[in-house]
Amino acid sequence: MFGDLMGMMGKLKETQEKVEATKKRLDSVLIDEASSDGLLKITLTANRQIKAIQIDDTLLEDKEQLEDYLILTLNKAIEKATNVHETEVAAVAKEGMPNIPGLDMFK
């Protein structure tokens, strides 16, 4: 029994290390998002860190329009990055979880 418990604890520690490595790798996964007309482009990592913002000069003439573009485009980019992040981390976590009867956390 204790051998099984020690094995599970080791597997959990290994899984935690893999999750942390995956999170670190996601710093290099870039997500690009653009406004529907291409006047604003945003690049961020799958860990939701903004890397670049490109603004067309025409947007600089109208502050309110630029703010609206930033809000809409940033929200779409963050949603995409969050989906990638959660999918990647969940896949690694599920792969490394020990099989505990009655405890199916990842259906």
C-alpha atoms as a PDB file:
ATOM      1  CA  MET A   1       0.000   0.000   0.000  1.00  0.00           C
ATOM      2  CA  PHE A   2       2.744   2.478   0.929  1.00  0.00           C
ATOM      3  CA  GLY A   3       4.603   1.573  -2.246  1.00  0.00           C
ATOM      4  CA  ASP A   4       1.557   2.579  -4.262  1.00  0.00           C
ATOM      5  CA  LEU A   5       1.222   5.791  -2.264  1.00  0.00           C
ATOM      6  CA  MET A   6       4.901   6.638  -2.736  1.00  0.00           C
ATOM      7  CA  GLY A   7       4.584   5.889  -6.436  1.00  0.00           C
ATOM      8  CA  MET A   8       1.561   8.170  -6.705  1.00  0.00           C
ATOM      9  CA  MET A   9       3.348  10.944  -4.834  1.00  0.00           C
ATOM     10  CA  GLY A  10       6.317  10.627  -7.174  1.00  0.00           C
ATOM     11  CA  LYS A  11       4.036  10.731 -10.201  1.00  0.00           C
ATOM     12  CA  LEU A  12       2.265  13.819  -8.843  1.00  0.00           C
ATOM     13  CA  LYS A  13       5.605  15.581  -8.327  1.00  0.00           C
ATOM     14  CA  GLU A  14       6.675  14.629 -11.854  1.00  0.00           C
ATOM     15  CA  THR A  15       3.375  15.919 -13.227  1.00  0.00           C
ATOM     16  CA  GLN A  16       3.772  19.192 -11.347  1.00  0.00           C
ATOM     17  CA  GLU A  17       7.233  19.620 -12.880  1.00  0.00           C
ATOM     18  CA  LYS A  18       5.826  18.910 -16.354  1.00  0.00           C
ATOM     19  CA  VAL A  19       3.045  21.457 -15.831  1.00  0.00           C
ATOM     20  CA  GLU A  20       5.608  24.083 -14.793  1.00  0.00           C
ATOM     21  CA  ALA A  21       7.757  23.258 -17.840  1.00  0.00           C
ATOM     22  CA  THR A  22       4.688  23.574 -20.061  1.00  0.00           C
ATOM     23  CA  LYS A  23       3.862  26.973 -18.566  1.00  0.00           C
ATOM     24  CA  LYS A  24       7.423  28.105 -19.229  1.00  0.00           C
ATOM     25  CA  ARG A  25       7.233  26.814 -22.825  1.00  0.00           C
ATOM     26  CA  LEU A  26       4.010  28.755 -23.343  1.00  0.00           C
ATOM     27  CA  ASP A  27       6.062  31.953 -22.958  1.00  0.00           C
ATOM     28  CA  SER A  28       7.361  31.236 -26.461  1.00  0.00           C
ATOM     29  CA  VAL A  29       3.990  30.341 -28.025  1.00  0.00           C
ATOM     30  CA  LEU A  30       2.741  33.491 -29.785  1.00  0.00           C
ATOM     31  CA  ILE A  31      -0.896  34.311 -30.454  1.00  0.00           C
ATOM     32  CA  ASP A  32      -1.688  36.885 -33.152  1.00  0.00           C
ATOM     33  CA  GLU A  33      -4.981  38.719 -33.296  1.00  0.00           C
ATOM     34  CA  ALA A  34      -6.106  41.546 -35.560  1.00  0.00           C
ATOM     35  CA  SER A  35      -9.143  43.745 -35.771  1.00  0.00           C
ATOM     36  CA  SER A  36     -11.592  42.742 -38.495  1.00  0.00           C
ATOM     37  CA  ASP A  37     -10.238  45.452 -40.815  1.00  0.00           C
ATOM     38  CA  GLY A  38      -6.583  44.843 -39.936  1.00  0.00           C
ATOM     39  CA  LEU A  39      -5.978  48.328 -38.539  1.00  0.00           C
ATOM     40  CA  LEU A  40      -4.877  46.961 -35.152  1.00  0.00           C
ATOM     41  CA  LYS A  41      -2.700  43.891 -34.619  1.00  0.00           C
ATOM     42  CA  ILE A  42      -1.745  42.383 -31.289  1.00  0.00           C
ATOM     43  CA  THR A  43       0.708  39.628 -30.451  1.00  0.00           C
ATOM     44  CA  LEU A  44       0.828  38.000 -27.036  1.00  0.00           C
ATOM     45  CA  THR A  45       2.145  34.798 -25.521  1.00  0.00           C
ATOM     46  CA  ALA A  46      -0.035  31.872 -24.511  1.00  0.00           C
ATOM     47  CA  ASN A  47       0.743  33.036 -20.961  1.00  0.00           C
ATOM     48  CA  ARG A  48      -1.104  36.260 -21.834  1.00  0.00           C
ATOM     49  CA  GLN A  49       1.877  38.607 -21.917  1.00  0.00           C
ATOM     50  CA  ILE A  50       1.598  41.302 -24.599  1.00  0.00           C
ATOM     51  CA  LYS A  51       4.571  41.224 -26.975  1.00  0.00           C
ATOM     52  CA  ALA A  52       3.581  43.675 -29.709  1.00  0.00           C
ATOM     53  CA  ILE A  53       0.865  46.110 -30.724  1.00  0.00           C
ATOM     54  CA  GLN A  54       0.705  47.552 -34.232  1.00  0.00           C
ATOM     55  CA  ILE A  55      -1.645  50.494 -34.776  1.00  0.00           C
ATOM     56  CA  ASP A  56      -2.488  51.877 -38.195  1.00  0.00           C
ATOM     57  CA  ASP A  57      -1.979  55.651 -38.362  1.00  0.00           C
ATOM     58  CA  THR A  58      -5.667  56.225 -39.185  1.00  0.00           C
ATOM     59  CA  LEU A  59      -6.624  54.998 -35.710  1.00  0.00           C
ATOM     60  CA  LEU A  60      -4.448  57.662 -34.090  1.00  0.00           C
ATOM     61  CA  GLU A  61      -6.855  60.366 -35.261  1.00  0.00           C
ATOM     62  CA  ASP A  62      -9.749  59.180 -33.084  1.00  0.00           C
ATOM     63  CA  LYS A  63      -8.969  58.362 -29.448  1.00  0.00           C
ATOM     64  CA  GLU A  64     -12.356  56.734 -28.713  1.00  0.00           C
ATOM     65  CA  GLN A  65     -12.161  54.545 -31.808  1.00  0.00           C
ATOM     66  CA  LEU A  66      -8.628  53.441 -30.880  1.00  0.00           C
ATOM     67  CA  GLU A  67      -9.766  52.589 -27.347  1.00  0.00           C
ATOM     68  CA  ASP A  68     -12.654  50.529 -28.728  1.00  0.00           C
ATOM     69  CA  TYR A  69     -10.309  48.689 -31.113  1.00  0.00           C
ATOM     70  CA  LEU A  70      -7.864  47.962 -28.282  1.00  0.00           C
ATOM     71  CA  ILE A  71     -10.568  46.608 -25.984  1.00  0.00           C
ATOM     72  CA  LEU A  72     -12.158  44.364 -28.622  1.00  0.00           C
ATOM     73  CA  THR A  73      -8.913  43.063 -30.097  1.00  0.00           C
ATOM     74  CA  LEU A  74      -7.158  42.558 -26.768  1.00  0.00           C
ATOM     75  CA  ASN A  75     -10.138  40.638 -25.395  1.00  0.00           C
ATOM     76  CA  LYS A  76     -10.184  38.336 -28.446  1.00  0.00           C
ATOM     77  CA  ALA A  77      -6.422  37.783 -28.170  1.00  0.00           C
ATOM     78  CA  ILE A  78      -6.599  37.078 -24.436  1.00  0.00           C
ATOM     79  CA  GLU A  79      -9.444  34.609 -24.983  1.00  0.00           C
ATOM     80  CA  LYS A  80      -7.424  32.733 -27.623  1.00  0.00           C
ATOM     81  CA  ALA A  81      -4.316  32.704 -25.427  1.00  0.00           C
ATOM     82  CA  THR A  82      -6.316  31.493 -22.429  1.00  0.00           C
ATOM     83  CA  ASN A  83      -7.786  28.635 -24.473  1.00  0.00           C
ATOM     84  CA  VAL A  84      -4.329  27.548 -25.656  1.00  0.00           C
ATOM     85  CA  HIS A  85      -2.905  27.854 -22.133  1.00  0.00           C
ATOM     86  CA  GLU A  86      -5.692  25.885 -20.457  1.00  0.00           C
ATOM     87  CA  THR A  87      -5.716  23.176 -23.127  1.00  0.00           C
ATOM     88  CA  GLU A  88      -1.949  22.641 -22.940  1.00  0.00           C
ATOM     89  CA  VAL A  89      -1.742  22.620 -19.145  1.00  0.00           C
ATOM     90  CA  ALA A  90      -4.808  20.362 -18.781  1.00  0.00           C
ATOM     91  CA  ALA A  91      -3.374  17.863 -21.266  1.00  0.00           C
ATOM     92  CA  VAL A  92      -0.109  17.594 -19.322  1.00  0.00           C
ATOM     93  CA  ALA A  93      -1.908  17.403 -15.976  1.00  0.00           C
ATOM     94  CA  LYS A  94      -4.324  14.718 -17.164  1.00  0.00           C
ATOM     95  CA  GLU A  95      -1.513  12.643 -18.671  1.00  0.00           C
ATOM     96  CA  GLY A  96       0.377  12.574 -15.394  1.00  0.00           C
ATOM     97  CA  MET A  97      -2.432  12.009 -12.940  1.00  0.00           C
ATOM     98  CA  PRO A  98      -2.438   8.663 -11.189  1.00  0.00           C
ATOM     99  CA  ASN A  99      -5.461   6.455 -11.760  1.00  0.00           C
ATOM    100  CA  ILE A 100      -7.449   6.831  -8.560  1.00  0.00           C
ATOM    101  CA  PRO A 101     -10.746   4.904  -8.718  1.00  0.00           C
ATOM    102  CA  GLY A 102     -13.759   7.175  -8.419  1.00  0.00           C
ATOM    103  CA  LEU A 103     -11.692  10.315  -8.969  1.00  0.00           C
ATOM    104  CA  ASP A 104     -12.068  11.275 -12.616  1.00  0.00           C
ATOM    105  CA  MET A 105     -11.323  14.998 -12.615  1.00  0.00           C
ATOM    106  CA  PHE A 106     -10.739  15.317 -16.365  1.00  0.00           C
ATOM    107  CA  LYS A 107     -13.797  14.054 -18.219  1.00  0.00           C
END
